[in-house]
């Protein structure tokens, strides 16, 4: 087996996803994942703390990406406009990942421990949004509230996108959820 591989984390992710779908999360071991990726168990642990981590590889980048997108919004925009623009750009950035996101979602929903970890992902996303808004001069309380609403809207948009027709962009699902939230709150 090779000692070093530049794409090891991605190979491990692909192998894990395949094994989790075939054998279930609980029925899959780290050595099996490493072997299926053509790597060693030691290499697995260089990249991931445990087999749960391999499912959340791409989530490491999302909070920073949303923060970066929000920073590109003109400073004179309202907090809500910054959040919408940041999430819209994030939607555009991950639109092509529908199939792997749907696969991962099915695996996550099959295990309570994975659902707990997914909630942590939402927390980190909200924290990144809140920090970005605060750094842009938005009041701390407003930043906190907008971040919580943004994460809820993003998660609901993801549900609509994955459960709806394949030709609907994630960005459209986000726009629909955001509009519904506004309408229902104002009603």
N, C-alpha and C. Protein backbone atom coordinates (compact mmCIF):
# COMPACT_ATOMS: atom_id res chain seq x y z
N UNK A 1 0.85 -1.18 0.00
CA UNK A 1 0.00 0.00 0.00
C UNK A 1 0.89 1.24 0.00
N UNK A 2 0.46 2.28 -0.70
CA UNK A 2 1.29 3.49 -0.74
C UNK A 2 1.37 4.14 0.64
N UNK A 3 2.54 4.72 0.91
CA UNK A 3 2.75 5.38 2.20
C UNK A 3 2.09 6.74 2.23
N UNK A 4 2.00 7.39 1.07
CA UNK A 4 1.43 8.74 1.03
C UNK A 4 0.58 8.88 -0.22
N UNK A 5 -0.54 9.48 -0.08
CA UNK A 5 -1.43 9.70 -1.22
C UNK A 5 -2.03 11.09 -1.10
N UNK A 6 -1.87 11.91 -2.14
CA UNK A 6 -2.38 13.27 -2.05
C UNK A 6 -3.91 13.35 -1.96
N UNK A 7 -4.59 12.32 -2.40
CA UNK A 7 -6.05 12.33 -2.37
C UNK A 7 -6.61 11.33 -1.34
N UNK A 8 -5.82 11.04 -0.34
CA UNK A 8 -6.20 10.00 0.63
C UNK A 8 -7.55 10.29 1.30
N UNK A 9 -7.76 11.51 1.75
CA UNK A 9 -9.02 11.82 2.46
C UNK A 9 -10.22 11.60 1.55
N UNK A 10 -10.11 12.00 0.29
CA UNK A 10 -11.23 11.81 -0.64
C UNK A 10 -11.44 10.32 -0.96
N UNK A 11 -10.37 9.57 -1.08
CA UNK A 11 -10.49 8.13 -1.32
C UNK A 11 -11.14 7.45 -0.12
N UNK A 12 -10.74 7.86 1.07
CA UNK A 12 -11.34 7.29 2.27
C UNK A 12 -12.82 7.64 2.37
N UNK A 13 -13.16 8.87 2.01
CA UNK A 13 -14.56 9.28 2.03
C UNK A 13 -15.38 8.43 1.06
N UNK A 14 -14.89 8.24 -0.16
CA UNK A 14 -15.61 7.46 -1.16
C UNK A 14 -15.77 6.01 -0.71
N UNK A 15 -14.71 5.43 -0.17
CA UNK A 15 -14.78 4.05 0.31
C UNK A 15 -15.76 3.91 1.46
N UNK A 16 -15.71 4.86 2.39
CA UNK A 16 -16.61 4.81 3.54
C UNK A 16 -18.07 4.92 3.11
N UNK A 17 -18.35 5.85 2.22
CA UNK A 17 -19.73 6.02 1.75
C UNK A 17 -20.25 4.71 1.14
N UNK A 18 -19.45 4.10 0.31
CA UNK A 18 -19.86 2.86 -0.33
C UNK A 18 -20.10 1.75 0.69
N UNK A 19 -19.19 1.62 1.64
CA UNK A 19 -19.35 0.59 2.67
C UNK A 19 -20.53 0.88 3.59
N UNK A 20 -20.70 2.12 3.98
CA UNK A 20 -21.84 2.47 4.85
C UNK A 20 -23.16 2.16 4.15
N UNK A 21 -23.23 2.41 2.86
CA UNK A 21 -24.47 2.11 2.13
C UNK A 21 -24.71 0.61 2.03
N UNK A 22 -23.66 -0.16 1.84
CA UNK A 22 -23.79 -1.62 1.69
C UNK A 22 -23.97 -2.33 3.03
N UNK A 23 -23.17 -1.95 4.03
CA UNK A 23 -23.12 -2.69 5.29
C UNK A 23 -23.75 -1.98 6.46
N UNK A 24 -24.08 -0.72 6.27
CA UNK A 24 -24.57 0.10 7.37
C UNK A 24 -23.40 0.73 8.10
N UNK A 25 -23.68 1.80 8.80
CA UNK A 25 -22.63 2.51 9.52
C UNK A 25 -22.05 1.63 10.62
N UNK A 26 -22.91 1.04 11.43
CA UNK A 26 -22.45 0.23 12.56
C UNK A 26 -21.68 -1.00 12.10
N UNK A 27 -22.02 -1.54 10.95
CA UNK A 27 -21.38 -2.75 10.45
C UNK A 27 -20.07 -2.53 9.71
N UNK A 28 -19.62 -1.30 9.65
CA UNK A 28 -18.40 -0.97 8.92
C UNK A 28 -17.30 -0.56 9.91
N UNK A 29 -16.10 -1.06 9.67
CA UNK A 29 -14.98 -0.74 10.55
C UNK A 29 -13.98 0.16 9.83
N UNK A 30 -13.16 0.84 10.60
CA UNK A 30 -12.11 1.68 10.03
C UNK A 30 -11.15 0.85 9.17
N UNK A 31 -10.69 -0.32 9.63
CA UNK A 31 -9.81 -1.11 8.76
C UNK A 31 -10.46 -1.47 7.42
N UNK A 32 -11.76 -1.73 7.42
CA UNK A 32 -12.45 -2.02 6.16
C UNK A 32 -12.44 -0.81 5.23
N UNK A 33 -12.66 0.37 5.80
CA UNK A 33 -12.65 1.60 5.01
C UNK A 33 -11.27 1.82 4.41
N UNK A 34 -10.26 1.70 5.24
CA UNK A 34 -8.89 1.90 4.76
C UNK A 34 -8.54 0.90 3.66
N UNK A 35 -8.88 -0.36 3.86
CA UNK A 35 -8.58 -1.38 2.85
C UNK A 35 -9.31 -1.10 1.54
N UNK A 36 -10.58 -0.70 1.64
CA UNK A 36 -11.36 -0.41 0.42
C UNK A 36 -10.79 0.78 -0.34
N UNK A 37 -10.13 1.70 0.38
CA UNK A 37 -9.51 2.86 -0.26
C UNK A 37 -8.09 2.56 -0.73
N UNK A 38 -7.59 1.36 -0.40
CA UNK A 38 -6.23 1.01 -0.76
C UNK A 38 -5.19 1.71 0.10
N UNK A 39 -5.57 2.02 1.33
CA UNK A 39 -4.69 2.74 2.26
C UNK A 39 -4.60 1.97 3.57
N UNK A 40 -3.79 2.46 4.46
CA UNK A 40 -3.63 1.81 5.76
C UNK A 40 -4.56 2.45 6.79
N UNK A 41 -4.79 1.71 7.86
CA UNK A 41 -5.58 2.25 8.97
C UNK A 41 -4.88 3.47 9.56
N UNK A 42 -3.58 3.42 9.60
CA UNK A 42 -2.80 4.55 10.11
C UNK A 42 -3.07 5.82 9.27
N UNK A 43 -3.14 5.65 7.96
CA UNK A 43 -3.45 6.79 7.09
C UNK A 43 -4.84 7.32 7.40
N UNK A 44 -5.78 6.41 7.64
CA UNK A 44 -7.13 6.85 7.99
C UNK A 44 -7.07 7.79 9.19
N UNK A 45 -6.36 7.38 10.24
CA UNK A 45 -6.31 8.17 11.46
C UNK A 45 -5.46 9.43 11.34
N UNK A 46 -4.70 9.56 10.30
CA UNK A 46 -4.01 10.83 10.03
C UNK A 46 -5.01 11.88 9.56
N UNK A 47 -6.08 11.42 8.95
CA UNK A 47 -7.07 12.34 8.37
C UNK A 47 -8.33 12.48 9.22
N UNK A 48 -8.68 11.44 9.95
CA UNK A 48 -9.95 11.44 10.68
C UNK A 48 -9.78 10.86 12.08
N UNK A 49 -10.52 11.42 13.02
CA UNK A 49 -10.47 10.93 14.40
C UNK A 49 -11.22 9.60 14.55
N UNK A 50 -12.29 9.44 13.79
CA UNK A 50 -13.07 8.20 13.84
C UNK A 50 -13.87 8.08 12.55
N UNK A 51 -14.65 7.01 12.44
CA UNK A 51 -15.36 6.78 11.18
C UNK A 51 -16.50 7.78 10.95
N UNK A 52 -16.98 8.43 12.00
CA UNK A 52 -17.98 9.49 11.81
C UNK A 52 -17.40 10.66 11.04
N UNK A 53 -16.14 11.00 11.36
CA UNK A 53 -15.50 12.16 10.74
C UNK A 53 -15.43 12.07 9.22
N UNK A 54 -15.30 10.86 8.70
CA UNK A 54 -15.15 10.71 7.26
C UNK A 54 -16.42 11.17 6.52
N UNK A 55 -17.57 11.06 7.17
CA UNK A 55 -18.82 11.51 6.56
C UNK A 55 -18.94 13.04 6.52
N UNK A 56 -18.18 13.72 7.35
CA UNK A 56 -18.30 15.16 7.48
C UNK A 56 -17.08 15.89 6.93
N UNK A 57 -16.34 15.22 6.07
CA UNK A 57 -15.13 15.80 5.48
C UNK A 57 -15.41 17.15 4.83
N UNK A 58 -16.41 17.24 4.01
CA UNK A 58 -16.68 18.47 3.25
C UNK A 58 -17.29 19.58 4.11
N UNK A 59 -17.85 19.19 5.24
CA UNK A 59 -18.43 20.21 6.13
C UNK A 59 -17.38 21.09 6.77
N UNK A 60 -16.15 20.65 6.77
CA UNK A 60 -15.07 21.46 7.35
C UNK A 60 -14.96 22.81 6.64
N UNK A 61 -15.26 22.82 5.36
CA UNK A 61 -15.07 24.02 4.54
C UNK A 61 -16.28 24.94 4.51
N UNK A 62 -17.47 24.42 4.76
CA UNK A 62 -18.69 25.20 4.57
C UNK A 62 -18.76 26.48 5.41
N UNK A 63 -18.50 26.46 6.71
CA UNK A 63 -18.59 27.72 7.47
C UNK A 63 -17.65 28.80 6.93
N UNK A 64 -16.43 28.43 6.60
CA UNK A 64 -15.49 29.42 6.06
C UNK A 64 -15.94 29.92 4.69
N UNK A 65 -16.47 29.02 3.88
CA UNK A 65 -16.94 29.43 2.56
C UNK A 65 -18.10 30.42 2.68
N UNK A 66 -19.04 30.15 3.58
CA UNK A 66 -20.16 31.08 3.77
C UNK A 66 -19.65 32.42 4.29
N UNK A 67 -18.71 32.39 5.23
CA UNK A 67 -18.12 33.64 5.72
C UNK A 67 -17.48 34.42 4.59
N UNK A 68 -16.74 33.72 3.74
CA UNK A 68 -16.09 34.38 2.59
C UNK A 68 -17.13 34.99 1.66
N UNK A 69 -18.20 34.26 1.39
CA UNK A 69 -19.25 34.78 0.52
C UNK A 69 -19.89 36.02 1.13
N UNK A 70 -20.13 35.98 2.45
CA UNK A 70 -20.76 37.12 3.11
C UNK A 70 -19.86 38.35 3.08
N UNK A 71 -18.56 38.13 3.16
CA UNK A 71 -17.63 39.26 3.11
C UNK A 71 -17.62 39.94 1.75
N UNK A 72 -18.04 39.23 0.71
CA UNK A 72 -18.06 39.82 -0.62
C UNK A 72 -19.29 40.70 -0.85
N UNK A 73 -20.25 40.65 0.07
CA UNK A 73 -21.46 41.47 -0.04
C UNK A 73 -21.11 42.91 0.37
N UNK A 74 -21.63 43.90 -0.36
CA UNK A 74 -21.34 45.30 0.00
C UNK A 74 -21.66 45.60 1.47
N UNK A 75 -20.78 46.36 2.11
CA UNK A 75 -20.89 46.65 3.54
C UNK A 75 -22.18 47.38 3.91
N UNK A 76 -22.74 48.13 2.97
CA UNK A 76 -23.96 48.88 3.30
C UNK A 76 -25.22 48.01 3.29
N UNK A 77 -25.08 46.74 2.98
CA UNK A 77 -26.21 45.83 2.97
C UNK A 77 -26.68 45.57 4.40
N UNK A 78 -27.96 45.26 4.55
CA UNK A 78 -28.49 44.91 5.87
C UNK A 78 -27.97 43.53 6.26
N UNK A 79 -28.11 43.20 7.53
CA UNK A 79 -27.68 41.89 8.01
C UNK A 79 -28.40 40.77 7.28
N UNK A 80 -29.71 40.93 7.08
CA UNK A 80 -30.48 39.90 6.38
C UNK A 80 -30.02 39.76 4.94
N UNK A 81 -29.71 40.88 4.28
CA UNK A 81 -29.23 40.83 2.89
C UNK A 81 -27.88 40.13 2.82
N UNK A 82 -27.02 40.38 3.81
CA UNK A 82 -25.72 39.71 3.83
C UNK A 82 -25.89 38.19 3.98
N UNK A 83 -26.78 37.80 4.87
CA UNK A 83 -27.02 36.38 5.10
C UNK A 83 -27.57 35.72 3.83
N UNK A 84 -28.57 36.33 3.24
CA UNK A 84 -29.15 35.75 2.02
C UNK A 84 -28.13 35.64 0.91
N UNK A 85 -27.34 36.69 0.72
CA UNK A 85 -26.33 36.67 -0.35
C UNK A 85 -25.27 35.59 -0.07
N UNK A 86 -24.84 35.48 1.18
CA UNK A 86 -23.86 34.47 1.53
C UNK A 86 -24.38 33.06 1.33
N UNK A 87 -25.60 32.81 1.77
CA UNK A 87 -26.18 31.48 1.59
C UNK A 87 -26.47 31.18 0.13
N UNK A 88 -26.88 32.18 -0.62
CA UNK A 88 -27.14 31.98 -2.05
C UNK A 88 -25.86 31.56 -2.76
N UNK A 89 -24.76 32.21 -2.45
CA UNK A 89 -23.48 31.83 -3.06
C UNK A 89 -23.07 30.43 -2.63
N UNK A 90 -23.31 30.11 -1.37
CA UNK A 90 -22.99 28.75 -0.90
C UNK A 90 -23.81 27.72 -1.67
N UNK A 91 -25.09 28.03 -1.90
CA UNK A 91 -25.95 27.13 -2.67
C UNK A 91 -25.41 26.93 -4.07
N UNK A 92 -24.98 27.98 -4.69
CA UNK A 92 -24.41 27.87 -6.04
C UNK A 92 -23.15 27.01 -6.02
N UNK A 93 -22.38 27.16 -4.95
CA UNK A 93 -21.13 26.42 -4.85
C UNK A 93 -21.29 24.93 -4.66
N UNK A 94 -22.38 24.51 -4.02
CA UNK A 94 -22.56 23.07 -3.77
C UNK A 94 -23.65 22.44 -4.63
N UNK A 95 -24.22 23.20 -5.54
CA UNK A 95 -25.32 22.69 -6.36
C UNK A 95 -24.94 21.40 -7.09
N UNK A 96 -23.72 21.30 -7.57
CA UNK A 96 -23.30 20.11 -8.31
C UNK A 96 -23.05 18.89 -7.44
N UNK A 97 -23.21 19.01 -6.15
CA UNK A 97 -22.95 17.91 -5.22
C UNK A 97 -24.22 17.20 -4.76
N UNK A 98 -25.29 17.36 -5.48
CA UNK A 98 -26.58 16.81 -5.03
C UNK A 98 -26.49 15.32 -4.70
N UNK A 99 -25.95 14.52 -5.59
CA UNK A 99 -25.92 13.07 -5.39
C UNK A 99 -25.10 12.68 -4.16
N UNK A 100 -23.86 13.18 -4.00
CA UNK A 100 -23.13 12.78 -2.77
C UNK A 100 -23.77 13.32 -1.49
N UNK A 101 -24.39 14.50 -1.57
CA UNK A 101 -25.06 15.05 -0.39
C UNK A 101 -26.27 14.18 -0.02
N UNK A 102 -27.02 13.75 -1.03
CA UNK A 102 -28.18 12.88 -0.77
C UNK A 102 -27.74 11.54 -0.18
N UNK A 103 -26.66 10.99 -0.70
CA UNK A 103 -26.14 9.72 -0.18
C UNK A 103 -25.74 9.88 1.29
N UNK A 104 -25.00 10.93 1.57
CA UNK A 104 -24.54 11.16 2.93
C UNK A 104 -25.73 11.38 3.87
N UNK A 105 -26.70 12.14 3.39
CA UNK A 105 -27.88 12.43 4.20
C UNK A 105 -28.60 11.15 4.61
N UNK A 106 -28.73 10.21 3.67
CA UNK A 106 -29.39 8.94 3.99
C UNK A 106 -28.62 8.16 5.05
N UNK A 107 -27.31 8.17 4.95
CA UNK A 107 -26.49 7.49 5.95
C UNK A 107 -26.63 8.18 7.31
N UNK A 108 -26.55 9.50 7.33
CA UNK A 108 -26.66 10.27 8.57
C UNK A 108 -28.00 10.02 9.25
N UNK A 109 -29.05 9.98 8.47
CA UNK A 109 -30.38 9.78 9.05
C UNK A 109 -30.60 8.36 9.58
N UNK A 110 -29.71 7.45 9.23
CA UNK A 110 -29.85 6.07 9.69
C UNK A 110 -29.25 5.82 11.07
N UNK A 111 -28.49 6.77 11.59
CA UNK A 111 -27.78 6.58 12.86
C UNK A 111 -27.97 7.78 13.78
N UNK A 112 -28.49 7.59 14.99
CA UNK A 112 -28.66 8.71 15.92
C UNK A 112 -27.37 9.48 16.20
N UNK A 113 -26.25 8.79 16.34
CA UNK A 113 -24.99 9.48 16.63
C UNK A 113 -24.57 10.39 15.47
N UNK A 114 -24.92 9.99 14.27
CA UNK A 114 -24.59 10.81 13.10
C UNK A 114 -25.52 12.03 13.02
N UNK A 115 -26.76 11.86 13.41
CA UNK A 115 -27.67 13.01 13.42
C UNK A 115 -27.20 14.05 14.42
N UNK A 116 -26.69 13.57 15.54
CA UNK A 116 -26.13 14.48 16.55
C UNK A 116 -24.96 15.26 15.95
N UNK A 117 -24.11 14.58 15.25
CA UNK A 117 -22.94 15.23 14.62
C UNK A 117 -23.39 16.22 13.55
N UNK A 118 -24.47 15.92 12.84
CA UNK A 118 -24.99 16.83 11.83
C UNK A 118 -25.51 18.11 12.47
N UNK A 119 -26.09 18.00 13.66
CA UNK A 119 -26.52 19.19 14.39
C UNK A 119 -25.33 20.06 14.76
N UNK A 120 -24.22 19.43 15.05
CA UNK A 120 -23.00 20.18 15.35
C UNK A 120 -22.54 20.95 14.11
N UNK A 121 -22.69 20.35 12.94
CA UNK A 121 -22.38 21.04 11.68
C UNK A 121 -23.22 22.31 11.55
N UNK A 122 -24.49 22.20 11.85
CA UNK A 122 -25.38 23.36 11.79
C UNK A 122 -24.95 24.43 12.79
N UNK A 123 -24.53 24.00 13.96
CA UNK A 123 -24.05 24.94 14.98
C UNK A 123 -22.84 25.71 14.46
N UNK A 124 -21.87 25.01 13.88
CA UNK A 124 -20.66 25.68 13.38
C UNK A 124 -20.98 26.63 12.23
N UNK A 125 -21.93 26.26 11.40
CA UNK A 125 -22.34 27.14 10.32
C UNK A 125 -22.96 28.41 10.89
N UNK A 126 -23.84 28.26 11.87
CA UNK A 126 -24.45 29.42 12.52
C UNK A 126 -23.43 30.30 13.20
N UNK A 127 -22.47 29.69 13.84
CA UNK A 127 -21.41 30.44 14.51
C UNK A 127 -20.60 31.26 13.49
N UNK A 128 -20.30 30.67 12.35
CA UNK A 128 -19.54 31.38 11.31
C UNK A 128 -20.34 32.56 10.77
N UNK A 129 -21.64 32.36 10.58
CA UNK A 129 -22.50 33.44 10.08
C UNK A 129 -22.57 34.56 11.12
N UNK A 130 -22.79 34.17 12.36
CA UNK A 130 -22.88 35.17 13.44
C UNK A 130 -21.59 35.99 13.55
N UNK A 131 -20.45 35.32 13.52
CA UNK A 131 -19.17 36.03 13.61
C UNK A 131 -18.95 36.95 12.42
N UNK A 132 -19.35 36.52 11.24
CA UNK A 132 -19.21 37.36 10.05
C UNK A 132 -20.07 38.61 10.15
N UNK A 133 -21.29 38.43 10.61
CA UNK A 133 -22.19 39.58 10.75
C UNK A 133 -21.67 40.56 11.79
N UNK A 134 -21.23 40.04 12.92
CA UNK A 134 -20.71 40.89 13.99
C UNK A 134 -19.47 41.66 13.51
N UNK A 135 -18.61 40.97 12.79
CA UNK A 135 -17.41 41.63 12.25
C UNK A 135 -17.75 42.72 11.24
N UNK A 136 -18.92 42.61 10.62
CA UNK A 136 -19.36 43.61 9.64
C UNK A 136 -20.15 44.73 10.29
N UNK A 137 -20.23 44.73 11.64
CA UNK A 137 -20.87 45.83 12.34
C UNK A 137 -22.33 45.62 12.70
N UNK A 138 -22.84 44.43 12.50
CA UNK A 138 -24.23 44.13 12.86
C UNK A 138 -24.28 43.85 14.37
N UNK A 139 -25.29 44.41 15.03
CA UNK A 139 -25.50 44.22 16.47
C UNK A 139 -25.43 42.74 16.83
N UNK A 140 -24.82 42.44 17.98
CA UNK A 140 -24.59 41.06 18.40
C UNK A 140 -25.88 40.25 18.50
N UNK A 141 -26.92 40.85 19.09
CA UNK A 141 -28.19 40.12 19.23
C UNK A 141 -28.83 39.86 17.87
N UNK A 142 -28.79 40.86 16.99
CA UNK A 142 -29.33 40.68 15.64
C UNK A 142 -28.51 39.63 14.88
N UNK A 143 -27.20 39.66 15.04
CA UNK A 143 -26.34 38.68 14.39
C UNK A 143 -26.68 37.27 14.83
N UNK A 144 -26.90 37.10 16.13
CA UNK A 144 -27.24 35.78 16.68
C UNK A 144 -28.56 35.28 16.11
N UNK A 145 -29.56 36.15 16.10
CA UNK A 145 -30.88 35.77 15.59
C UNK A 145 -30.83 35.46 14.10
N UNK A 146 -30.19 36.34 13.32
CA UNK A 146 -30.09 36.11 11.88
C UNK A 146 -29.34 34.82 11.56
N UNK A 147 -28.32 34.52 12.33
CA UNK A 147 -27.56 33.29 12.10
C UNK A 147 -28.43 32.06 12.34
N UNK A 148 -29.22 32.09 13.40
CA UNK A 148 -30.11 30.96 13.70
C UNK A 148 -31.16 30.79 12.61
N UNK A 149 -31.73 31.89 12.15
CA UNK A 149 -32.72 31.84 11.07
C UNK A 149 -32.06 31.34 9.78
N UNK A 150 -30.86 31.82 9.51
CA UNK A 150 -30.15 31.43 8.29
C UNK A 150 -29.88 29.93 8.26
N UNK A 151 -29.42 29.38 9.37
CA UNK A 151 -29.13 27.94 9.42
C UNK A 151 -30.41 27.14 9.24
N UNK A 152 -31.48 27.57 9.89
CA UNK A 152 -32.76 26.88 9.73
C UNK A 152 -33.22 26.93 8.28
N UNK A 153 -33.13 28.09 7.66
CA UNK A 153 -33.53 28.22 6.25
C UNK A 153 -32.66 27.35 5.35
N UNK A 154 -31.36 27.34 5.61
CA UNK A 154 -30.45 26.53 4.80
C UNK A 154 -30.77 25.04 4.93
N UNK A 155 -30.99 24.59 6.16
CA UNK A 155 -31.32 23.18 6.37
C UNK A 155 -32.65 22.80 5.72
N UNK A 156 -33.64 23.68 5.83
CA UNK A 156 -34.94 23.41 5.19
C UNK A 156 -34.82 23.45 3.67
N UNK A 157 -34.02 24.36 3.15
CA UNK A 157 -33.80 24.44 1.70
C UNK A 157 -33.12 23.16 1.21
N UNK A 158 -32.17 22.67 1.99
CA UNK A 158 -31.49 21.43 1.62
C UNK A 158 -32.50 20.28 1.56
N UNK A 159 -33.42 20.22 2.54
CA UNK A 159 -34.46 19.19 2.53
C UNK A 159 -35.32 19.30 1.27
N UNK A 160 -35.78 20.50 0.96
CA UNK A 160 -36.63 20.69 -0.22
C UNK A 160 -35.90 20.31 -1.49
N UNK A 161 -34.65 20.69 -1.57
CA UNK A 161 -33.85 20.42 -2.76
C UNK A 161 -33.65 18.91 -2.97
N UNK A 162 -33.31 18.22 -1.90
CA UNK A 162 -33.03 16.79 -2.01
C UNK A 162 -34.30 15.96 -2.19
N UNK A 163 -35.42 16.46 -1.69
CA UNK A 163 -36.67 15.72 -1.79
C UNK A 163 -37.49 16.12 -3.01
N UNK A 164 -37.11 17.22 -3.67
CA UNK A 164 -37.86 17.71 -4.81
C UNK A 164 -37.31 17.24 -6.15
N UNK A 165 -37.88 17.80 -7.21
CA UNK A 165 -37.40 17.45 -8.56
C UNK A 165 -35.92 17.81 -8.74
N UNK A 166 -35.22 16.97 -9.50
CA UNK A 166 -33.78 17.15 -9.67
C UNK A 166 -33.40 18.40 -10.44
N UNK A 167 -34.34 18.98 -11.20
CA UNK A 167 -33.99 20.14 -12.02
C UNK A 167 -34.13 21.48 -11.28
N UNK A 168 -34.56 21.43 -10.02
CA UNK A 168 -34.71 22.67 -9.25
C UNK A 168 -33.38 22.97 -8.55
N UNK A 169 -32.81 24.15 -8.79
CA UNK A 169 -31.54 24.50 -8.14
C UNK A 169 -31.71 24.69 -6.63
N UNK A 170 -30.67 24.39 -5.90
CA UNK A 170 -30.67 24.60 -4.45
C UNK A 170 -30.95 26.07 -4.13
N UNK A 171 -30.43 26.95 -4.93
CA UNK A 171 -30.67 28.39 -4.74
C UNK A 171 -32.17 28.72 -4.76
N UNK A 172 -32.91 28.08 -5.67
CA UNK A 172 -34.36 28.30 -5.73
C UNK A 172 -35.07 27.76 -4.49
N UNK A 173 -34.60 26.63 -4.00
CA UNK A 173 -35.18 26.07 -2.78
C UNK A 173 -34.93 27.01 -1.60
N UNK A 174 -33.75 27.61 -1.54
CA UNK A 174 -33.44 28.58 -0.48
C UNK A 174 -34.34 29.80 -0.60
N UNK A 175 -34.50 30.33 -1.79
CA UNK A 175 -35.36 31.50 -2.00
C UNK A 175 -36.79 31.20 -1.56
N UNK A 176 -37.27 30.00 -1.90
CA UNK A 176 -38.62 29.59 -1.53
C UNK A 176 -38.78 29.49 -0.01
N UNK A 177 -37.82 28.88 0.66
CA UNK A 177 -37.88 28.75 2.12
C UNK A 177 -37.82 30.12 2.77
N UNK A 178 -36.91 30.96 2.31
CA UNK A 178 -36.76 32.30 2.89
C UNK A 178 -38.07 33.08 2.75
N UNK A 179 -38.68 32.99 1.59
CA UNK A 179 -39.95 33.68 1.34
C UNK A 179 -41.05 33.14 2.23
N UNK A 180 -41.13 31.81 2.34
CA UNK A 180 -42.14 31.19 3.21
C UNK A 180 -41.95 31.63 4.66
N UNK A 181 -40.73 31.63 5.13
CA UNK A 181 -40.46 32.04 6.52
C UNK A 181 -40.95 33.47 6.75
N UNK A 182 -40.59 34.34 5.83
CA UNK A 182 -41.00 35.74 5.96
C UNK A 182 -42.53 35.87 5.97
N UNK A 183 -43.19 35.17 5.05
CA UNK A 183 -44.65 35.23 4.96
C UNK A 183 -45.31 34.68 6.22
N UNK A 184 -44.82 33.54 6.69
CA UNK A 184 -45.44 32.90 7.85
C UNK A 184 -45.21 33.69 9.13
N UNK A 185 -44.06 34.29 9.24
CA UNK A 185 -43.78 35.09 10.45
C UNK A 185 -44.62 36.36 10.45
N UNK A 186 -44.80 36.97 9.28
CA UNK A 186 -45.58 38.21 9.16
C UNK A 186 -47.07 37.96 9.26
N UNK A 187 -47.51 36.71 9.09
CA UNK A 187 -48.95 36.41 9.07
C UNK A 187 -49.56 36.51 10.45
